Amino acid sequence: MIALLQRVSRSAVRVEGETIARIGPGVTILLGVLLDDRSADIDRLVKKIPFLRIFPDEKGRMDRSLVDIGGEALVVSQFTLAADLRRGRRPSFDAAMPPDPARELYEEFCRRLAEHVPVKRGIFGAMMEVEILNDGPVTLILDSRKL
């Protein structure tokens, strides 16, 4: 499971021109579910993400977590994070989990993350416009297989 996490001042998701989710300060998480992902991958991400010290303290040092600042998370499914770009010019998405089981893991990730912080989400599999006002910018890539 790959989570591309961005610290944001605000973020929103629109589907067919309608805003379906919006957050203030917090993180936007683009989540890619891979073929071999399981609940254990969710465990590793959910134990890490809410507690990453990526927000500034009063001295400007990254020393506060999403939990510490009372921030929100916006989670958006992003199968293109599974892209294999080693050959040719067209990405291969063979490593992405098929939609039905991927949706189940995406929903489980959102539910479990919501045990720690408020979570808003996009619509799994929909064509979305994601508005991200990256703060910093701070962007991190978390691969559950390497945590």
N, C-alpha and C. Protein backbone atom coordinates (compact mmCIF):
# COMPACT_ATOMS: atom_id res chain seq x y z
N MET A 1 0.86 -1.16 0.00
CA MET A 1 0.00 0.00 0.00
C MET A 1 0.91 1.22 0.00
N ILE A 2 0.59 2.15 -0.87
CA ILE A 2 1.37 3.37 -0.96
C ILE A 2 0.48 4.54 -0.58
N ALA A 3 0.98 5.35 0.36
CA ALA A 3 0.26 6.55 0.77
C ALA A 3 1.14 7.76 0.47
N LEU A 4 0.68 8.60 -0.43
CA LEU A 4 1.36 9.86 -0.68
C LEU A 4 0.65 10.89 0.19
N LEU A 5 1.37 11.41 1.16
CA LEU A 5 0.79 12.27 2.18
C LEU A 5 1.29 13.69 1.98
N GLN A 6 0.38 14.64 1.95
CA GLN A 6 0.75 16.04 1.83
C GLN A 6 0.17 16.83 3.00
N ARG A 7 1.04 17.59 3.65
CA ARG A 7 0.57 18.50 4.70
C ARG A 7 -0.13 19.65 3.98
N VAL A 8 -1.35 19.96 4.40
CA VAL A 8 -2.13 20.97 3.69
C VAL A 8 -2.69 22.03 4.63
N SER A 9 -2.88 23.22 4.06
CA SER A 9 -3.64 24.27 4.75
C SER A 9 -5.12 24.02 4.57
N ARG A 10 -5.44 23.50 3.35
CA ARG A 10 -6.82 23.08 3.05
C ARG A 10 -6.77 22.18 1.84
N SER A 11 -7.84 21.42 1.67
CA SER A 11 -7.94 20.50 0.55
C SER A 11 -9.41 20.19 0.31
N ALA A 12 -9.74 19.87 -0.94
CA ALA A 12 -11.12 19.56 -1.28
C ALA A 12 -11.17 18.58 -2.45
N VAL A 13 -12.28 17.87 -2.55
CA VAL A 13 -12.51 16.94 -3.65
C VAL A 13 -13.84 17.29 -4.30
N ARG A 14 -13.83 17.35 -5.63
CA ARG A 14 -15.04 17.58 -6.39
C ARG A 14 -15.29 16.41 -7.33
N VAL A 15 -16.55 16.04 -7.47
CA VAL A 15 -16.98 15.04 -8.45
C VAL A 15 -18.09 15.67 -9.25
N GLU A 16 -17.92 15.68 -10.56
CA GLU A 16 -18.90 16.29 -11.48
C GLU A 16 -19.24 17.71 -11.06
N GLY A 17 -18.22 18.47 -10.66
CA GLY A 17 -18.39 19.88 -10.30
C GLY A 17 -18.90 20.14 -8.90
N GLU A 18 -19.27 19.09 -8.17
CA GLU A 18 -19.82 19.25 -6.82
C GLU A 18 -18.76 18.90 -5.78
N THR A 19 -18.54 19.81 -4.82
CA THR A 19 -17.59 19.53 -3.74
C THR A 19 -18.22 18.51 -2.81
N ILE A 20 -17.53 17.37 -2.66
CA ILE A 20 -18.07 16.30 -1.82
C ILE A 20 -17.34 16.17 -0.49
N ALA A 21 -16.13 16.77 -0.40
CA ALA A 21 -15.37 16.72 0.85
C ALA A 21 -14.41 17.91 0.88
N ARG A 22 -14.21 18.42 2.09
CA ARG A 22 -13.32 19.57 2.26
C ARG A 22 -12.73 19.49 3.67
N ILE A 23 -11.43 19.81 3.77
CA ILE A 23 -10.79 19.87 5.09
C ILE A 23 -10.02 21.17 5.22
N GLY A 24 -9.75 21.54 6.46
CA GLY A 24 -8.87 22.64 6.77
C GLY A 24 -7.47 22.09 6.99
N PRO A 25 -6.74 22.63 7.96
CA PRO A 25 -5.38 22.16 8.20
C PRO A 25 -5.35 20.66 8.51
N GLY A 26 -4.38 19.99 7.88
CA GLY A 26 -4.25 18.55 8.09
C GLY A 26 -3.43 17.92 6.99
N VAL A 27 -3.87 16.74 6.55
CA VAL A 27 -3.16 16.01 5.50
C VAL A 27 -4.13 15.52 4.44
N THR A 28 -3.66 15.54 3.20
CA THR A 28 -4.36 14.86 2.12
C THR A 28 -3.54 13.61 1.84
N ILE A 29 -4.23 12.48 1.79
CA ILE A 29 -3.58 11.20 1.57
C ILE A 29 -4.10 10.61 0.28
N LEU A 30 -3.22 10.45 -0.69
CA LEU A 30 -3.54 9.74 -1.92
C LEU A 30 -3.12 8.30 -1.67
N LEU A 31 -4.08 7.36 -1.73
CA LEU A 31 -3.84 5.98 -1.31
C LEU A 31 -3.92 5.03 -2.49
N GLY A 32 -2.81 4.32 -2.73
CA GLY A 32 -2.77 3.31 -3.78
C GLY A 32 -2.74 1.92 -3.16
N VAL A 33 -3.65 1.05 -3.59
CA VAL A 33 -3.75 -0.31 -3.05
C VAL A 33 -3.14 -1.27 -4.07
N LEU A 34 -2.16 -2.05 -3.61
CA LEU A 34 -1.43 -2.96 -4.48
C LEU A 34 -1.95 -4.40 -4.34
N LEU A 35 -1.63 -5.22 -5.32
CA LEU A 35 -2.13 -6.59 -5.39
C LEU A 35 -1.96 -7.39 -4.11
N ASP A 36 -0.80 -7.28 -3.48
CA ASP A 36 -0.52 -8.12 -2.31
C ASP A 36 -0.85 -7.44 -0.97
N ASP A 37 -1.55 -6.33 -0.99
CA ASP A 37 -1.87 -5.62 0.26
C ASP A 37 -2.92 -6.37 1.07
N ARG A 38 -2.77 -6.26 2.39
CA ARG A 38 -3.66 -6.91 3.35
C ARG A 38 -3.92 -5.94 4.51
N SER A 39 -4.70 -6.39 5.47
CA SER A 39 -4.98 -5.56 6.65
C SER A 39 -3.72 -5.18 7.40
N ALA A 40 -2.71 -6.04 7.37
CA ALA A 40 -1.45 -5.72 8.05
C ALA A 40 -0.81 -4.45 7.48
N ASP A 41 -1.00 -4.21 6.18
CA ASP A 41 -0.48 -2.99 5.56
C ASP A 41 -1.20 -1.77 6.12
N ILE A 42 -2.49 -1.89 6.33
CA ILE A 42 -3.27 -0.82 6.94
C ILE A 42 -2.77 -0.56 8.35
N ASP A 43 -2.52 -1.64 9.10
CA ASP A 43 -2.01 -1.50 10.47
C ASP A 43 -0.78 -0.60 10.50
N ARG A 44 0.17 -0.90 9.62
CA ARG A 44 1.43 -0.15 9.62
C ARG A 44 1.21 1.32 9.30
N LEU A 45 0.36 1.61 8.32
CA LEU A 45 0.10 3.00 7.95
C LEU A 45 -0.65 3.75 9.04
N VAL A 46 -1.66 3.12 9.61
CA VAL A 46 -2.49 3.79 10.61
C VAL A 46 -1.73 4.01 11.92
N LYS A 47 -0.75 3.17 12.20
CA LYS A 47 0.08 3.38 13.39
C LYS A 47 1.06 4.54 13.18
N LYS A 48 1.34 4.87 11.94
CA LYS A 48 2.35 5.89 11.63
C LYS A 48 1.74 7.26 11.32
N ILE A 49 0.79 7.31 10.40
CA ILE A 49 0.32 8.58 9.84
C ILE A 49 -0.20 9.59 10.87
N PRO A 50 -1.11 9.21 11.77
CA PRO A 50 -1.65 10.23 12.68
C PRO A 50 -0.60 10.82 13.62
N PHE A 51 0.52 10.12 13.78
CA PHE A 51 1.50 10.51 14.79
C PHE A 51 2.81 11.04 14.20
N LEU A 52 2.87 11.15 12.87
CA LEU A 52 4.06 11.73 12.24
C LEU A 52 4.20 13.18 12.68
N ARG A 53 5.37 13.55 13.12
CA ARG A 53 5.60 14.92 13.59
C ARG A 53 6.02 15.77 12.40
N ILE A 54 5.02 16.25 11.66
CA ILE A 54 5.26 17.00 10.42
C ILE A 54 4.68 18.41 10.45
N PHE A 55 4.12 18.80 11.59
CA PHE A 55 3.53 20.13 11.73
C PHE A 55 4.41 20.96 12.65
N PRO A 56 4.50 22.26 12.38
CA PRO A 56 5.42 23.10 13.16
C PRO A 56 4.94 23.35 14.59
N ASP A 57 5.92 23.40 15.50
CA ASP A 57 5.63 23.83 16.86
C ASP A 57 5.80 25.34 16.93
N GLU A 58 5.79 25.91 18.12
CA GLU A 58 5.88 27.38 18.27
C GLU A 58 7.22 27.93 17.80
N LYS A 59 8.23 27.08 17.66
CA LYS A 59 9.54 27.52 17.17
C LYS A 59 9.72 27.24 15.67
N GLY A 60 8.67 26.72 15.04
CA GLY A 60 8.74 26.45 13.61
C GLY A 60 9.33 25.10 13.25
N ARG A 61 9.70 24.31 14.25
CA ARG A 61 10.25 22.97 13.99
C ARG A 61 9.12 21.97 13.75
N MET A 62 9.35 21.03 12.86
CA MET A 62 8.34 19.97 12.66
C MET A 62 8.38 19.05 13.87
N ASP A 63 7.46 19.30 14.80
CA ASP A 63 7.48 18.56 16.06
C ASP A 63 6.08 18.20 16.55
N ARG A 64 5.05 18.51 15.75
CA ARG A 64 3.68 18.20 16.14
C ARG A 64 3.05 17.26 15.11
N SER A 65 2.16 16.43 15.61
CA SER A 65 1.49 15.45 14.75
C SER A 65 0.10 15.93 14.37
N LEU A 66 -0.51 15.20 13.49
CA LEU A 66 -1.90 15.47 13.10
C LEU A 66 -2.81 15.41 14.32
N VAL A 67 -2.58 14.44 15.18
CA VAL A 67 -3.35 14.32 16.43
C VAL A 67 -3.10 15.54 17.31
N ASP A 68 -1.84 15.96 17.43
CA ASP A 68 -1.49 17.10 18.29
C ASP A 68 -2.20 18.38 17.87
N ILE A 69 -2.31 18.61 16.56
CA ILE A 69 -2.90 19.88 16.10
C ILE A 69 -4.42 19.79 15.93
N GLY A 70 -4.99 18.61 16.13
CA GLY A 70 -6.43 18.43 15.92
C GLY A 70 -6.80 18.56 14.45
N GLY A 71 -5.89 18.14 13.57
CA GLY A 71 -6.11 18.26 12.12
C GLY A 71 -6.98 17.16 11.57
N GLU A 72 -7.32 17.31 10.29
CA GLU A 72 -8.17 16.36 9.58
C GLU A 72 -7.37 15.67 8.49
N ALA A 73 -7.93 14.56 8.00
CA ALA A 73 -7.33 13.85 6.87
C ALA A 73 -8.36 13.75 5.75
N LEU A 74 -7.92 14.00 4.54
CA LEU A 74 -8.74 13.77 3.35
C LEU A 74 -8.07 12.63 2.60
N VAL A 75 -8.80 11.51 2.43
CA VAL A 75 -8.24 10.32 1.81
C VAL A 75 -8.88 10.14 0.44
N VAL A 76 -8.02 10.01 -0.59
CA VAL A 76 -8.46 9.88 -1.97
C VAL A 76 -7.81 8.63 -2.56
N SER A 77 -8.62 7.75 -3.14
CA SER A 77 -8.05 6.56 -3.79
C SER A 77 -7.26 6.99 -5.02
N GLN A 78 -6.10 6.34 -5.24
CA GLN A 78 -5.20 6.76 -6.30
C GLN A 78 -4.47 5.54 -6.85
N PHE A 79 -5.15 4.78 -7.71
CA PHE A 79 -4.54 3.55 -8.22
C PHE A 79 -3.30 3.82 -9.06
N THR A 80 -3.14 5.03 -9.57
CA THR A 80 -1.96 5.32 -10.41
C THR A 80 -0.66 5.29 -9.60
N LEU A 81 -0.74 5.28 -8.27
CA LEU A 81 0.47 5.12 -7.46
C LEU A 81 1.09 3.74 -7.64
N ALA A 82 0.34 2.80 -8.20
CA ALA A 82 0.84 1.45 -8.47
C ALA A 82 1.53 1.35 -9.83
N ALA A 83 1.66 2.45 -10.53
CA ALA A 83 2.20 2.42 -11.89
C ALA A 83 3.63 1.88 -11.94
N ASP A 84 3.88 1.06 -12.95
CA ASP A 84 5.22 0.58 -13.26
C ASP A 84 5.65 1.32 -14.52
N LEU A 85 6.71 2.09 -14.41
CA LEU A 85 7.18 2.93 -15.51
C LEU A 85 8.52 2.48 -16.07
N ARG A 86 8.90 1.25 -15.76
CA ARG A 86 10.23 0.78 -16.18
C ARG A 86 10.34 0.53 -17.67
N ARG A 87 9.25 0.19 -18.33
CA ARG A 87 9.33 -0.15 -19.75
C ARG A 87 8.39 0.74 -20.56
N GLY A 88 8.87 1.18 -21.67
CA GLY A 88 8.05 1.95 -22.59
C GLY A 88 7.63 3.30 -22.04
N ARG A 89 6.58 3.83 -22.64
CA ARG A 89 6.09 5.17 -22.26
C ARG A 89 4.69 5.14 -21.68
N ARG A 90 4.05 4.00 -21.73
CA ARG A 90 2.71 3.88 -21.16
C ARG A 90 2.81 3.15 -19.82
N PRO A 91 2.28 3.73 -18.75
CA PRO A 91 2.37 3.07 -17.44
C PRO A 91 1.62 1.73 -17.46
N SER A 92 2.17 0.78 -16.73
CA SER A 92 1.49 -0.49 -16.50
C SER A 92 0.89 -0.43 -15.09
N PHE A 93 -0.35 -0.85 -14.97
CA PHE A 93 -1.00 -0.86 -13.65
C PHE A 93 -1.26 -2.27 -13.17
N ASP A 94 -0.45 -3.22 -13.65
CA ASP A 94 -0.61 -4.62 -13.26
C ASP A 94 -0.46 -4.84 -11.77
N ALA A 95 0.27 -3.97 -11.09
CA ALA A 95 0.50 -4.13 -9.65
C ALA A 95 -0.67 -3.60 -8.81
N ALA A 96 -1.63 -2.91 -9.44
CA ALA A 96 -2.78 -2.38 -8.70
C ALA A 96 -3.78 -3.50 -8.43
N MET A 97 -4.35 -3.48 -7.24
CA MET A 97 -5.36 -4.46 -6.88
C MET A 97 -6.63 -4.18 -7.68
N PRO A 98 -7.37 -5.21 -8.10
CA PRO A 98 -8.64 -4.98 -8.79
C PRO A 98 -9.60 -4.16 -7.93
N PRO A 99 -10.53 -3.46 -8.57
CA PRO A 99 -11.38 -2.48 -7.86
C PRO A 99 -12.15 -3.00 -6.64
N ASP A 100 -12.82 -4.14 -6.74
CA ASP A 100 -13.66 -4.56 -5.60
C ASP A 100 -12.86 -4.82 -4.33
N PRO A 101 -11.81 -5.66 -4.38
CA PRO A 101 -11.05 -5.84 -3.14
C PRO A 101 -10.28 -4.58 -2.72
N ALA A 102 -9.85 -3.77 -3.69
CA ALA A 102 -9.15 -2.52 -3.35
C ALA A 102 -10.10 -1.58 -2.61
N ARG A 103 -11.36 -1.52 -3.04
CA ARG A 103 -12.35 -0.67 -2.38
C ARG A 103 -12.50 -1.08 -0.91
N GLU A 104 -12.54 -2.38 -0.66
CA GLU A 104 -12.69 -2.87 0.71
C GLU A 104 -11.52 -2.41 1.58
N LEU A 105 -10.29 -2.51 1.06
CA LEU A 105 -9.13 -2.08 1.84
C LEU A 105 -9.09 -0.56 2.01
N TYR A 106 -9.48 0.16 0.97
CA TYR A 106 -9.56 1.63 1.06
C TYR A 106 -10.55 2.03 2.17
N GLU A 107 -11.72 1.42 2.17
CA GLU A 107 -12.73 1.73 3.19
C GLU A 107 -12.24 1.36 4.58
N GLU A 108 -11.58 0.21 4.70
CA GLU A 108 -11.03 -0.21 5.99
C GLU A 108 -9.97 0.80 6.47
N PHE A 109 -9.11 1.23 5.54
CA PHE A 109 -8.09 2.23 5.90
C PHE A 109 -8.76 3.49 6.45
N CYS A 110 -9.77 3.98 5.75
CA CYS A 110 -10.47 5.20 6.19
C CYS A 110 -11.11 5.02 7.56
N ARG A 111 -11.77 3.89 7.77
CA ARG A 111 -12.42 3.61 9.06
C ARG A 111 -11.39 3.58 10.19
N ARG A 112 -10.28 2.92 9.96
CA ARG A 112 -9.29 2.75 11.02
C ARG A 112 -8.53 4.05 11.28
N LEU A 113 -8.26 4.83 10.24
CA LEU A 113 -7.63 6.13 10.45
C LEU A 113 -8.57 7.04 11.25
N ALA A 114 -9.88 6.91 11.01
CA ALA A 114 -10.88 7.74 11.70
C ALA A 114 -10.96 7.44 13.19
N GLU A 115 -10.33 6.37 13.64
CA GLU A 115 -10.26 6.10 15.08
C GLU A 115 -9.30 7.08 15.77
N HIS A 116 -8.47 7.77 14.96
CA HIS A 116 -7.47 8.69 15.51
C HIS A 116 -7.72 10.15 15.16
N VAL A 117 -8.22 10.40 13.95
CA VAL A 117 -8.42 11.77 13.47
C VAL A 117 -9.68 11.82 12.61
N PRO A 118 -10.29 13.01 12.47
CA PRO A 118 -11.44 13.13 11.57
C PRO A 118 -11.01 12.84 10.13
N VAL A 119 -11.78 12.03 9.42
CA VAL A 119 -11.46 11.64 8.06
C VAL A 119 -12.60 12.00 7.13
N LYS A 120 -12.23 12.65 6.03
CA LYS A 120 -13.16 12.87 4.91
C LYS A 120 -12.58 12.09 3.74
N ARG A 121 -13.38 11.83 2.72
CA ARG A 121 -12.87 11.01 1.63
C ARG A 121 -13.48 11.36 0.30
N GLY A 122 -12.75 10.95 -0.72
CA GLY A 122 -13.27 11.04 -2.08
C GLY A 122 -14.19 9.87 -2.33
N ILE A 123 -14.58 9.68 -3.58
CA ILE A 123 -15.42 8.54 -3.96
C ILE A 123 -14.53 7.55 -4.70
N PHE A 124 -14.44 6.36 -4.16
CA PHE A 124 -13.56 5.35 -4.73
C PHE A 124 -13.93 5.10 -6.19
N GLY A 125 -12.93 5.16 -7.06
CA GLY A 125 -13.12 4.85 -8.47
C GLY A 125 -13.71 5.97 -9.32
N ALA A 126 -14.12 7.06 -8.70
CA ALA A 126 -14.71 8.17 -9.45
C ALA A 126 -13.61 9.03 -10.07
N MET A 127 -13.96 9.73 -11.14
CA MET A 127 -13.08 10.76 -11.69
C MET A 127 -13.26 11.98 -10.80
N MET A 128 -12.18 12.41 -10.17
CA MET A 128 -12.26 13.47 -9.17
C MET A 128 -11.32 14.62 -9.52
N GLU A 129 -11.68 15.79 -9.07
CA GLU A 129 -10.78 16.94 -9.05
C GLU A 129 -10.37 17.12 -7.59
N VAL A 130 -9.07 17.08 -7.35
CA VAL A 130 -8.57 17.22 -5.99
C VAL A 130 -7.82 18.54 -5.89
N GLU A 131 -8.29 19.39 -5.03
CA GLU A 131 -7.65 20.68 -4.79
C GLU A 131 -6.82 20.56 -3.53
N ILE A 132 -5.52 20.80 -3.67
CA ILE A 132 -4.61 20.64 -2.54
C ILE A 132 -3.79 21.92 -2.39
N LEU A 133 -3.91 22.56 -1.24
CA LEU A 133 -3.04 23.69 -0.93
C LEU A 133 -1.97 23.16 0.01
N ASN A 134 -0.87 22.70 -0.60
CA ASN A 134 0.23 22.07 0.14
C ASN A 134 0.88 23.12 1.02
N ASP A 135 1.11 22.76 2.28
CA ASP A 135 1.69 23.66 3.26
C ASP A 135 3.14 23.27 3.47
N GLY A 136 4.06 24.12 3.09
CA GLY A 136 5.48 23.85 3.30
C GLY A 136 6.32 24.13 2.06
N PRO A 137 6.26 23.35 1.05
CA PRO A 137 5.47 22.12 0.90
C PRO A 137 6.09 20.95 1.66
N VAL A 138 5.22 20.13 2.22
CA VAL A 138 5.64 18.89 2.88
C VAL A 138 4.88 17.76 2.20
N THR A 139 5.63 16.88 1.54
CA THR A 139 5.06 15.72 0.86
C THR A 139 5.89 14.50 1.21
N LEU A 140 5.23 13.44 1.68
CA LEU A 140 5.91 12.22 2.10
C LEU A 140 5.30 11.02 1.39
N ILE A 141 6.15 10.06 1.06
CA ILE A 141 5.67 8.81 0.47
C ILE A 141 5.88 7.71 1.49
N LEU A 142 4.80 7.04 1.85
CA LEU A 142 4.88 5.93 2.79
C LEU A 142 4.50 4.65 2.06
N ASP A 143 5.40 3.70 2.07
CA ASP A 143 5.17 2.39 1.46
C ASP A 143 5.01 1.40 2.62
N SER A 144 3.83 0.82 2.76
CA SER A 144 3.56 -0.04 3.92
C SER A 144 4.52 -1.22 4.00
N ARG A 145 5.12 -1.62 2.89
CA ARG A 145 6.06 -2.75 2.89
C ARG A 145 7.40 -2.35 3.50
N LYS A 146 7.63 -1.05 3.65
CA LYS A 146 8.92 -0.56 4.16
C LYS A 146 8.79 0.07 5.54
N LEU A 147 7.64 -0.06 6.17
CA LEU A 147 7.45 0.52 7.50
C LEU A 147 7.62 -0.55 8.57
